């Protein structure tokens, strides 16, 4: 064999060995994850929907755990891990999930199951133009490695519409014959993110990026998961020269208009007001579009400063202008607990709460309830309910709930109003209804033998005869095969 052929042979052999080693490493670092989930019905809150099976690829991390998207783990009743190279299977438990950031951790029932796996490490900085690889596997274990390119790094609203966080948008043609709820993406043998959505038409994958994953893991590993913080204010672009002069800032320059303040938030407690002009956060200058220059990712929305780049308990110094006067306000960054929302954005892993009385199905309005109209619920759900959701911080106090008459199960007790639905309950028997437990309390004290249920729109009220309800409720429960008439945690 001459020297030229020898060099060519060695080059090919080296490439094949490197490819094999890379494929083996991927196999050693990834497991199949199969989940059986059973969602709860919110239109019929006394029952569950049919079970569904979901499958994805989980990334093995240090600490004997597997990282997947929260969507894969949603309402899980059973989870199983499978090694790709051997087919060995093991039941698993969902040990932690944050649906707001679409991430979850699983652990095998037998810890030694992952002992021969090589944990992946994160690459927490990426750049536009990087060409990472999405990793998939055929049923026979053959890897499918697809090259892509990061086209944009920007903030995006995550699936449950609670947080706006960093995301990578990657141009890629993902193999359509392999369905996955979790798809790892690697660059130079490190994990840079998990695919959380993919459009085959646009050839675009949106990733939960490594910085968000790292924040999630660091927060969990410190022994007390706090979630992702928020400053608690909304802002609008400030381009109008006349408005800028009116607000006391130069006609041309930096800064945005504070448009909303979340009641009880860090911004609210620090004294930030609607109409303030925000010029900087922690010495980062903010332009008139609400962006700053991030040291890792270039121009980004200021929301990145107060979410992924910060942790709950951190403080942010806001430089504002109010009526022409410069001020500095220290804002404590805090997470917004679900209990704080007037309309809870999601309710997962547990059933809806409800009360059925005289055939009236009474619930609290939630994001999960609205999602019964599908992903386009904002255009399909009743307009009054959408209005409540979109303006909840203006219409209701923190912790107050929107209690609604969801539907009426026809019976002799409700003749004449059995077609009513989607009405907000204002009071019962003169007692203001701010949460579902108030309904149970108010029903203890009828007025002149009747329960008067008042709404904030037509019809202004309906009545139920109190002494007939016990028998009517029993008949309704039997007729509609209801396992219970009330569920309040």
Protein backbone atom coordinates (compact mmCIF):
# COMPACT_ATOMS: atom_id res chain seq x y z
CA UNK A 1 0.00 0.00 0.00
CA UNK A 2 1.56 3.30 -1.08
CA UNK A 3 1.84 6.26 1.24
CA UNK A 4 -1.04 8.19 -0.35
CA UNK A 5 -3.42 5.23 0.02
CA UNK A 6 -2.18 4.65 3.55
CA UNK A 7 -2.95 8.26 4.52
CA UNK A 8 -6.38 8.07 2.91
CA UNK A 9 -7.15 4.81 4.72
CA UNK A 10 -6.06 6.25 8.06
CA UNK A 11 -8.12 9.40 7.52
CA UNK A 12 -11.26 7.39 6.69
CA UNK A 13 -10.66 5.01 9.60
CA UNK A 14 -10.17 7.91 11.99
CA UNK A 15 -13.39 9.54 10.79
CA UNK A 16 -15.35 6.29 11.17
CA UNK A 17 -13.97 5.73 14.64
CA UNK A 18 -14.80 9.30 15.67
CA UNK A 19 -18.32 8.94 14.28
CA UNK A 20 -18.79 5.64 16.08
CA UNK A 21 -17.50 7.11 19.33
CA UNK A 22 -19.79 10.09 18.94
CA UNK A 23 -22.80 7.86 18.30
CA UNK A 24 -21.87 5.65 21.24
CA UNK A 25 -21.56 8.67 23.49
CA UNK A 26 -24.99 9.86 22.44
CA UNK A 27 -26.45 6.43 23.14
CA UNK A 28 -24.77 6.38 26.54
CA UNK A 29 -26.18 9.81 27.39
CA UNK A 30 -29.79 9.48 26.20
CA UNK A 31 -32.68 7.20 27.14
CA UNK A 32 -36.12 6.74 25.69
CA UNK A 33 -38.86 7.99 27.99
CA UNK A 34 -42.42 6.69 27.72
CA UNK A 35 -45.16 8.31 29.75
CA UNK A 36 -48.81 7.47 30.21
CA UNK A 37 -50.73 10.60 31.08
CA UNK A 38 -54.34 11.18 31.95
CA UNK A 39 -55.61 14.74 31.81
CA UNK A 40 -58.40 16.01 33.99
CA UNK A 41 -61.55 17.40 32.40
CA UNK A 42 -62.48 20.97 33.29
CA UNK A 43 -65.81 21.02 31.44
CA UNK A 44 -66.78 17.85 33.32
CA UNK A 45 -64.62 18.29 36.43
CA UNK A 46 -65.85 15.11 38.10
CA UNK A 47 -64.07 12.89 35.56
CA UNK A 48 -60.78 12.28 33.77
CA UNK A 49 -60.14 12.21 30.04
CA UNK A 50 -58.94 9.08 28.24
CA UNK A 51 -55.31 8.07 28.93
CA UNK A 52 -52.71 9.04 26.32
CA UNK A 53 -49.21 7.73 25.65
CA UNK A 54 -46.30 10.07 24.98
CA UNK A 55 -42.71 9.31 24.08
CA UNK A 56 -39.55 11.36 24.04
CA UNK A 57 -35.80 11.24 24.55
CA UNK A 58 -34.46 12.03 27.99
CA UNK A 59 -31.00 13.46 28.63
CA UNK A 60 -29.02 11.76 31.40
CA UNK A 61 -27.59 14.28 33.86
CA UNK A 62 -25.42 14.02 36.93
CA UNK A 63 -27.20 12.91 40.07
CA UNK A 64 -28.94 9.87 38.58
CA UNK A 65 -31.63 11.85 36.83
CA UNK A 66 -33.10 12.38 33.40
CA UNK A 67 -34.09 15.75 31.93
CA UNK A 68 -37.22 16.03 29.74
CA UNK A 69 -39.72 18.71 28.80
CA UNK A 70 -42.55 19.42 31.20
CA UNK A 71 -44.99 18.67 28.41
CA UNK A 72 -43.84 15.06 28.31
CA UNK A 73 -44.32 14.66 32.07
CA UNK A 74 -47.71 16.42 32.19
CA UNK A 75 -50.35 14.63 34.29
CA UNK A 76 -48.20 11.49 34.29
CA UNK A 77 -49.65 8.34 35.82
CA UNK A 78 -46.77 6.07 34.73
CA UNK A 79 -43.27 6.68 33.37
CA UNK A 80 -40.66 4.31 32.01
CA UNK A 81 -37.05 4.64 30.89
CA UNK A 82 -35.50 2.48 28.17
CA UNK A 83 -31.84 2.16 27.23
CA UNK A 84 -31.45 2.61 23.51
CA UNK A 85 -28.61 0.16 22.95
CA UNK A 86 -29.91 -2.76 25.05
CA UNK A 87 -33.66 -2.15 25.28
CA UNK A 88 -33.51 -2.60 29.06
CA UNK A 89 -36.47 -0.88 30.75
CA UNK A 90 -37.11 0.60 34.17
CA UNK A 91 -40.09 2.40 35.78
CA UNK A 92 -39.35 6.00 36.70
CA UNK A 93 -40.76 8.77 38.88
CA UNK A 94 -41.27 12.43 38.06
CA UNK A 95 -39.29 14.00 40.89
CA UNK A 96 -39.58 17.64 39.89
CA UNK A 97 -41.41 19.66 37.25
CA UNK A 98 -41.80 23.34 36.46
CA UNK A 99 -44.48 23.60 33.81
CA UNK A 100 -43.94 27.35 33.42
CA UNK A 101 -40.47 26.70 31.96
CA UNK A 102 -41.45 23.38 30.33
CA UNK A 103 -38.85 21.27 32.17
CA UNK A 104 -39.01 18.15 34.33
CA UNK A 105 -36.69 15.68 36.03
CA UNK A 106 -37.21 11.91 36.29
CA UNK A 107 -35.35 9.31 38.33
CA UNK A 108 -35.36 5.53 37.79
CA UNK A 109 -37.03 3.32 40.37
CA UNK A 110 -33.73 1.46 40.71
CA UNK A 111 -30.87 3.99 41.02
CA UNK A 112 -28.28 1.63 39.53
CA UNK A 113 -30.16 1.67 36.20
CA UNK A 114 -28.23 4.75 35.06
CA UNK A 115 -24.89 3.83 36.61
CA UNK A 116 -23.32 2.94 33.26
CA UNK A 117 -24.57 6.09 31.53
CA UNK A 118 -22.35 9.10 30.90
CA UNK A 119 -24.07 12.33 32.01
CA UNK A 120 -24.21 15.22 29.59
CA UNK A 121 -22.82 18.65 30.37
CA UNK A 122 -24.40 21.94 29.39
CA UNK A 123 -23.07 24.56 27.01
CA UNK A 124 -24.60 27.76 28.39
CA UNK A 125 -23.43 30.18 25.71
CA UNK A 126 -24.39 29.97 22.05
CA UNK A 127 -24.23 32.36 19.13
CA UNK A 128 -26.23 33.03 16.03
CA UNK A 129 -24.65 30.97 13.27
CA UNK A 130 -23.73 28.02 15.51
CA UNK A 131 -24.60 24.72 13.84
CA UNK A 132 -25.82 22.29 16.51
CA UNK A 133 -27.30 18.83 15.95
CA UNK A 134 -30.69 17.42 16.88
CA UNK A 135 -30.43 13.80 18.01
CA UNK A 136 -33.05 11.14 17.38
CA UNK A 137 -33.10 7.36 17.20
CA UNK A 138 -34.88 4.84 15.04
CA UNK A 139 -36.70 1.95 16.72
CA UNK A 140 -33.68 -0.28 16.04
CA UNK A 141 -31.37 2.11 17.90
CA UNK A 142 -29.82 3.69 14.81
CA UNK A 143 -29.10 7.34 15.52
CA UNK A 144 -30.44 10.15 13.36
CA UNK A 145 -28.25 13.22 13.73
CA UNK A 146 -29.58 16.30 11.93
CA UNK A 147 -27.55 19.47 11.47
CA UNK A 148 -29.20 22.83 12.05
CA UNK A 149 -28.25 26.46 12.47
CA UNK A 150 -29.18 28.95 15.17
CA UNK A 151 -30.85 31.87 13.43
CA UNK A 152 -32.16 33.88 16.36
CA UNK A 153 -31.61 34.15 20.10
CA UNK A 154 -34.50 36.01 21.65
CA UNK A 155 -37.11 36.01 24.38
CA UNK A 156 -40.29 34.06 23.75
CA UNK A 157 -43.47 33.28 25.66
CA UNK A 158 -43.29 29.67 26.83
CA UNK A 159 -46.17 27.25 26.12
CA UNK A 160 -48.27 27.93 29.22
CA UNK A 161 -48.11 31.69 28.65
CA UNK A 162 -46.78 32.45 32.14
CA UNK A 163 -43.16 33.45 31.54
CA UNK A 164 -41.24 35.13 28.75
CA UNK A 165 -37.79 33.56 28.69
CA UNK A 166 -34.75 33.14 26.49
CA UNK A 167 -35.17 30.83 23.50
CA UNK A 168 -33.07 29.64 20.58
CA UNK A 169 -34.67 29.50 17.13
CA UNK A 170 -32.94 27.01 14.91
CA UNK A 171 -33.38 26.28 11.22
CA UNK A 172 -33.42 22.52 10.77
CA UNK A 173 -35.21 19.70 8.96
CA UNK A 174 -36.08 17.24 11.70
CA UNK A 175 -36.87 13.67 10.69
CA UNK A 176 -40.64 13.44 10.58
CA UNK A 177 -40.79 9.66 10.99
CA UNK A 178 -39.69 9.93 14.61
CA UNK A 179 -42.18 11.58 16.97
CA UNK A 180 -40.82 13.04 20.17
CA UNK A 181 -42.04 15.26 22.99
CA UNK A 182 -38.43 15.83 24.03
CA UNK A 183 -35.62 16.17 21.54
CA UNK A 184 -32.07 17.01 22.70
CA UNK A 185 -29.88 19.37 20.69
CA UNK A 186 -26.09 19.28 21.08
CA UNK A 187 -23.15 21.39 19.98
CA UNK A 188 -19.60 20.14 20.32
CA UNK A 189 -20.69 17.24 22.51
CA UNK A 190 -22.59 19.41 24.98
CA UNK A 191 -26.29 19.95 25.45
CA UNK A 192 -27.46 23.39 24.32
CA UNK A 193 -31.20 22.83 24.62
CA UNK A 194 -34.38 20.78 24.24
CA UNK A 195 -36.79 21.25 21.35
CA UNK A 196 -40.14 22.48 22.68
CA UNK A 197 -41.82 23.13 19.32
CA UNK A 198 -41.13 22.48 15.66
CA UNK A 199 -42.69 23.76 12.44
CA UNK A 200 -41.98 21.50 9.46
CA UNK A 201 -43.42 24.18 7.16
CA UNK A 202 -40.97 26.83 8.36
CA UNK A 203 -38.23 24.31 9.20
CA UNK A 204 -37.87 26.05 12.57
CA UNK A 205 -37.31 24.48 15.96
CA UNK A 206 -37.71 26.52 19.15
CA UNK A 207 -35.47 25.38 22.00
CA UNK A 208 -35.56 25.65 25.77
CA UNK A 209 -31.92 26.79 25.90
CA UNK A 210 -29.15 25.69 28.24
CA UNK A 211 -29.17 28.95 30.29
CA UNK A 212 -32.81 28.33 31.23
CA UNK A 213 -32.03 24.65 31.95
CA UNK A 214 -29.08 25.65 34.14
CA UNK A 215 -31.23 28.11 36.10
CA UNK A 216 -33.83 25.37 36.60
CA UNK A 217 -31.21 22.83 37.79
CA UNK A 218 -29.28 25.24 40.03
CA UNK A 219 -32.48 26.34 41.71
CA UNK A 220 -33.57 22.75 42.30
CA UNK A 221 -30.15 21.64 43.54
CA UNK A 222 -29.98 24.25 46.30
CA UNK A 223 -32.69 22.31 48.16
CA UNK A 224 -35.53 24.80 47.74
CA UNK A 225 -37.01 25.46 44.32
CA UNK A 226 -38.15 29.07 43.99
CA UNK A 227 -38.84 29.26 40.26
CA UNK A 228 -38.02 32.13 37.96
CA UNK A 229 -38.40 35.70 39.25
CA UNK A 230 -40.21 38.65 37.77
CA UNK A 231 -39.87 42.35 38.45
CA UNK A 232 -43.62 42.86 38.18
CA UNK A 233 -43.98 45.64 35.62
CA UNK A 234 -44.89 45.92 31.96
CA UNK A 235 -43.46 48.45 29.56
CA UNK A 236 -44.10 50.03 26.19
CA UNK A 237 -41.80 51.46 23.56
CA UNK A 238 -41.15 55.18 23.94
CA UNK A 239 -40.56 56.61 20.45
CA UNK A 240 -42.94 59.59 20.34
CA UNK A 241 -40.78 62.76 20.74
CA UNK A 242 -43.71 64.78 22.12
CA UNK A 243 -44.54 62.15 24.76
CA UNK A 244 -40.87 61.93 25.71
CA UNK A 245 -40.73 65.70 26.28
CA UNK A 246 -43.94 65.54 28.30
CA UNK A 247 -42.45 62.83 30.51
CA UNK A 248 -39.32 64.86 31.12
CA UNK A 249 -36.78 63.02 28.97
CA UNK A 250 -35.01 64.11 25.77
CA UNK A 251 -37.02 63.81 22.56
CA UNK A 252 -34.46 61.37 21.22
CA UNK A 253 -32.77 58.89 23.50
CA UNK A 254 -33.10 55.80 25.62
CA UNK A 255 -35.76 54.52 28.01
CA UNK A 256 -39.18 52.89 27.96
CA UNK A 257 -42.59 53.79 29.40
CA UNK A 258 -43.77 51.79 32.44
CA UNK A 259 -47.30 50.82 31.38
CA UNK A 260 -48.48 48.37 34.07
CA UNK A 261 -47.60 47.34 37.60
CA UNK A 262 -48.53 43.91 38.96
CA UNK A 263 -50.22 44.40 42.35
CA UNK A 264 -48.07 43.18 45.23
CA UNK A 265 -45.02 42.61 43.03
CA UNK A 266 -41.48 43.74 43.76
CA UNK A 267 -41.96 46.76 41.49
CA UNK A 268 -45.18 47.67 43.30
CA UNK A 269 -43.54 47.41 46.72
CA UNK A 270 -40.52 49.44 45.58
CA UNK A 271 -42.74 52.32 44.50
CA UNK A 272 -42.48 52.00 40.71
CA UNK A 273 -45.44 53.76 39.11
CA UNK A 274 -47.23 53.67 35.79
CA UNK A 275 -45.89 56.52 33.68
CA UNK A 276 -42.33 56.27 34.97
CA UNK A 277 -39.62 56.23 32.32
CA UNK A 278 -37.16 53.39 32.86
CA UNK A 279 -33.64 54.25 31.69
CA UNK A 280 -31.50 51.44 33.12
CA UNK A 281 -31.46 48.26 35.20
CA UNK A 282 -28.29 47.43 37.14
CA UNK A 283 -26.26 49.82 34.99
CA UNK A 284 -27.52 48.24 31.75
CA UNK A 285 -28.84 51.05 29.57
CA UNK A 286 -32.27 50.38 28.08
CA UNK A 287 -33.08 51.66 24.61
CA UNK A 288 -36.46 53.02 23.55
CA UNK A 289 -37.55 49.55 22.39
CA UNK A 290 -36.93 47.94 25.79
CA UNK A 291 -33.69 46.18 24.87
CA UNK A 292 -30.22 46.19 26.36
CA UNK A 293 -26.87 44.72 25.31
CA UNK A 294 -26.44 41.38 27.04
CA UNK A 295 -22.82 40.27 27.54
CA UNK A 296 -23.65 36.75 26.30
CA UNK A 297 -26.44 37.17 23.76
CA UNK A 298 -26.30 40.73 22.41
CA UNK A 299 -29.50 42.76 22.12
CA UNK A 300 -32.21 41.24 24.31
CA UNK A 301 -35.40 42.35 26.01
CA UNK A 302 -34.94 43.64 29.55
CA UNK A 303 -37.13 40.76 30.74
CA UNK A 304 -34.05 38.55 30.40
CA UNK A 305 -32.32 40.64 33.07
CA UNK A 306 -35.07 40.04 35.59
CA UNK A 307 -35.79 36.37 34.82
CA UNK A 308 -33.14 33.94 33.58
CA UNK A 309 -30.17 36.14 34.51
CA UNK A 310 -31.52 36.60 38.04
CA UNK A 311 -32.76 34.39 40.85
CA UNK A 312 -35.59 34.81 43.33
CA UNK A 313 -34.38 37.04 46.13
CA UNK A 314 -31.99 39.05 43.96
CA UNK A 315 -32.45 42.80 43.68
CA UNK A 316 -32.45 45.05 40.63
CA UNK A 317 -31.63 48.74 40.71
CA UNK A 318 -33.98 50.67 38.45
CA UNK A 319 -33.00 54.11 37.16
CA UNK A 320 -36.22 55.97 36.39
CA UNK A 321 -37.40 59.44 35.53
CA UNK A 322 -40.64 60.64 37.13
CA UNK A 323 -41.96 64.09 36.27
CA UNK A 324 -38.53 65.08 35.09
CA UNK A 325 -36.76 63.94 38.27
CA UNK A 326 -34.22 61.10 38.24
CA UNK A 327 -34.72 58.40 40.88
CA UNK A 328 -33.18 55.04 41.76
CA UNK A 329 -35.47 52.31 43.10
CA UNK A 330 -34.30 48.94 44.43
CA UNK A 331 -36.71 46.20 43.33
CA UNK A 332 -36.67 42.78 44.94
CA UNK A 333 -37.17 40.07 42.32
CA UNK A 334 -39.71 37.45 43.28
CA UNK A 335 -41.59 34.64 41.63
CA UNK A 336 -45.34 34.99 41.21
CA UNK A 337 -47.02 32.01 42.92
CA UNK A 338 -50.00 30.51 41.15
CA UNK A 339 -52.16 31.37 44.15
CA UNK A 340 -51.50 35.06 43.43
CA UNK A 341 -53.25 35.00 40.05
CA UNK A 342 -56.97 35.85 39.91
CA UNK A 343 -57.14 33.36 37.03
CA UNK A 344 -54.64 30.57 37.68
CA UNK A 345 -52.76 30.03 34.39
CA UNK A 346 -52.58 26.26 34.68
CA UNK A 347 -53.76 23.44 36.96
CA UNK A 348 -51.87 20.20 36.32
CA UNK A 349 -51.40 16.89 38.12
CA UNK A 350 -54.62 17.42 40.05
CA UNK A 351 -58.34 17.71 39.27
CA UNK A 352 -60.39 20.87 39.07
CA UNK A 353 -62.29 21.99 42.14
CA UNK A 354 -66.04 22.32 41.79
CA UNK A 355 -69.41 22.43 43.54
CA UNK A 356 -72.65 21.11 42.07
CA UNK A 357 -75.81 22.40 43.70
CA UNK A 358 -79.29 22.13 42.18
CA UNK A 359 -77.61 21.11 38.92
CA UNK A 360 -75.47 24.25 38.82
CA UNK A 361 -71.84 23.37 38.11
CA UNK A 362 -69.72 26.04 39.80
CA UNK A 363 -65.95 26.34 39.24
CA UNK A 364 -63.10 28.82 39.32
CA UNK A 365 -62.04 30.14 35.93
CA UNK A 366 -58.49 29.03 35.07
CA UNK A 367 -56.14 28.78 32.13
CA UNK A 368 -56.80 25.05 32.11
CA UNK A 369 -60.54 25.71 31.77
CA UNK A 370 -59.95 28.10 28.86
CA UNK A 371 -57.71 25.53 27.18
CA UNK A 372 -60.72 23.24 26.82
CA UNK A 373 -61.45 25.36 23.72
CA UNK A 374 -58.06 24.36 22.29
CA UNK A 375 -54.83 26.21 21.61
CA UNK A 376 -56.76 29.05 19.93
CA UNK A 377 -59.04 29.54 22.91
CA UNK A 378 -58.52 33.31 22.82
CA UNK A 379 -60.66 33.42 19.66
CA UNK A 380 -62.99 30.51 20.46
CA UNK A 381 -63.86 30.81 24.15
CA UNK A 382 -66.71 33.10 25.30
CA UNK A 383 -65.59 36.70 24.97
CA UNK A 384 -66.45 37.57 28.56
CA UNK A 385 -64.14 34.83 29.86
CA UNK A 386 -61.31 35.91 27.56
CA UNK A 387 -61.83 39.49 28.76
CA UNK A 388 -61.53 38.40 32.38
CA UNK A 389 -58.28 36.59 31.62
CA UNK A 390 -56.69 39.38 29.60
CA UNK A 391 -57.54 42.09 32.16
CA UNK A 392 -57.40 40.07 35.35
CA UNK A 393 -54.86 42.31 37.11
CA UNK A 394 -57.04 45.37 36.47
CA UNK A 395 -60.37 43.75 37.33
CA UNK A 396 -59.53 41.65 40.38
CA UNK A 397 -57.39 41.70 43.49
CA UNK A 398 -54.40 39.34 43.88
CA UNK A 399 -55.66 36.04 45.25
CA UNK A 400 -59.26 36.78 44.32
CA UNK A 401 -60.79 34.17 42.03
CA UNK A 402 -63.22 34.39 39.15
CA UNK A 403 -65.97 31.97 40.21
CA UNK A 404 -68.29 31.03 37.36
CA UNK A 405 -71.45 29.10 36.67
CA UNK A 406 -69.90 26.74 34.13
CA UNK A 407 -73.04 24.87 33.06
CA UNK A 408 -76.36 23.58 34.36
CA UNK A 409 -77.28 19.90 34.57
CA UNK A 410 -81.00 19.93 33.80
CA UNK A 411 -83.34 18.96 36.63
CA UNK A 412 -86.62 19.97 38.23
CA UNK A 413 -84.69 22.37 40.45
CA UNK A 414 -83.47 24.54 37.58
CA UNK A 415 -86.37 24.73 35.13
CA UNK A 416 -86.12 28.01 33.24
CA UNK A 417 -82.40 28.55 33.52
CA UNK A 418 -80.91 25.20 32.49
CA UNK A 419 -79.27 26.83 29.44
CA UNK A 420 -77.20 29.31 31.45
CA UNK A 421 -73.41 29.02 31.34
CA UNK A 422 -70.14 30.95 31.62
CA UNK A 423 -71.51 33.57 34.04
CA UNK A 424 -69.41 35.11 36.80
CA UNK A 425 -71.01 34.71 40.23
CA UNK A 426 -70.95 37.96 42.16
CA UNK A 427 -72.65 36.88 45.39
CA UNK A 428 -74.74 34.13 47.00
CA UNK A 429 -77.27 34.97 49.70
CA UNK A 430 -75.74 38.42 49.98
CA UNK A 431 -72.21 37.08 50.59
CA UNK A 432 -69.55 38.24 48.12
CA UNK A 433 -67.95 35.31 46.31
CA UNK A 434 -64.18 35.72 46.00
CA UNK A 435 -63.15 32.06 45.95
CA UNK A 436 -64.86 28.70 45.47
CA UNK A 437 -64.92 27.87 49.23
CA UNK A 438 -67.04 31.01 49.67
CA UNK A 439 -69.79 29.23 47.71
CA UNK A 440 -69.93 26.36 50.20
CA UNK A 441 -69.98 28.82 53.09
CA UNK A 442 -72.69 31.02 51.57
CA UNK A 443 -74.97 28.05 50.91
CA UNK A 444 -75.14 27.40 54.65
CA UNK A 445 -77.40 30.44 55.17
CA UNK A 446 -80.38 30.64 52.80
CA UNK A 447 -82.56 33.75 52.88
CA UNK A 448 -86.29 33.17 53.53
CA UNK A 449 -85.98 29.56 52.39
CA UNK A 450 -84.21 30.35 49.11
CA UNK A 451 -80.64 30.55 47.81
CA UNK A 452 -80.18 33.71 45.77
CA UNK A 453 -77.28 33.47 43.32
CA UNK A 454 -76.35 36.82 41.76
CA UNK A 455 -74.30 37.40 38.59
CA UNK A 456 -72.46 40.41 37.26
CA UNK A 457 -74.57 40.43 34.06
CA UNK A 458 -77.99 39.30 32.84
CA UNK A 459 -79.75 37.49 34.38
CA UNK A 460 -78.94 39.45 37.49
CA UNK A 461 -79.87 36.51 39.75
CA UNK A 462 -81.57 33.13 40.03
CA UNK A 463 -83.02 31.35 43.07
CA UNK A 464 -83.09 27.77 44.34
CA UNK A 465 -85.54 26.47 46.93
CA UNK A 466 -83.33 25.48 49.86
CA UNK A 467 -85.40 22.72 51.48
CA UNK A 468 -85.76 20.82 48.20
CA UNK A 469 -82.06 20.81 47.32
CA UNK A 470 -80.98 17.74 49.26
CA UNK A 471 -83.41 15.49 47.39
CA UNK A 472 -82.72 17.22 44.06
CA UNK A 473 -78.96 16.88 44.50
CA UNK A 474 -79.31 13.15 45.17
CA UNK A 475 -81.43 12.70 42.03
CA UNK A 476 -78.97 14.71 39.93
CA UNK A 477 -76.04 12.68 41.22
CA UNK A 478 -77.80 9.43 40.31
CA UNK A 479 -79.06 10.63 36.92
CA UNK A 480 -75.68 11.92 35.72
CA UNK A 481 -73.64 9.18 37.43
CA UNK A 482 -71.58 11.71 39.38
CA UNK A 483 -69.00 10.22 41.75
CA UNK A 484 -69.27 13.33 43.93
CA UNK A 485 -71.05 16.67 44.05
CA UNK A 486 -68.16 18.65 45.45
CA UNK A 487 -64.39 18.67 45.35
CA UNK A 488 -62.53 21.41 47.23
CA UNK A 489 -58.97 20.88 48.41
